[in-house]
């Protein structure tokens, strides 16, 4: 259920203003060219979704709030983690490309890799990224367990995994020794956190607010534990 939508979002004649308002709420900066990239991507998603069922059915407004605004909550925390350096980020189980596309657009200095086991979703991400002019987003069709990239990742993020243990088991070989996992969760996954593999620990839980949505969102930060 939506509340306090950024100005203009209800009718959405121009989605750039709602994007700017949401960015301001999250203390982010967004240039007009970046807003245009995200809007182009959303329009691609709306068009493809009619045929390919990539995401739950919805309007551009729904996609803006549920996918873009939600993904934007991750940008500030990861920017603080980066401390000025360029990050190599893996979006594990990207689906229709979130949060990968938002990270790539708002942080063009980072390398973002989106991975999904469903071919039609990866095909969409590739096509939509090309149409949107997003050069630093790469989409790979693969099961995570079978993936062996040339370089490891600084951060592994995900919105899609049902369990923290599942995320770690599927991506541990892809994360650099000093890297972190960041799982985007709704309600606090207390039982999942307490049941983590003993070699991994949740060291920080960050509550974030999604502009325009009445949902609980927590970022669960995890890393390897030295033994």
Foldseek 3Di string as FASTA:
>chain_A
DWDPQQPPLVVCPDCLRSVCVLCVVLVADDDPLLSQLVLLLLVLCLVVCVPPVLDPDDDSSCCCQPAQLLQVNVQVVVVVVCVPHAFEEEEAQQRLHPPQSNNQSRPVSHAYEYEHQDVVSLVSNVVSCVVSVRDRYHYDHDQLQPDDDPAAGQEYEYADDPAPQVVCVSHVNRHDQNHKYKYKDFPDPVVRQVPHDPQKHFDDKAWTDRRGDDTTIIITIMHGDDD
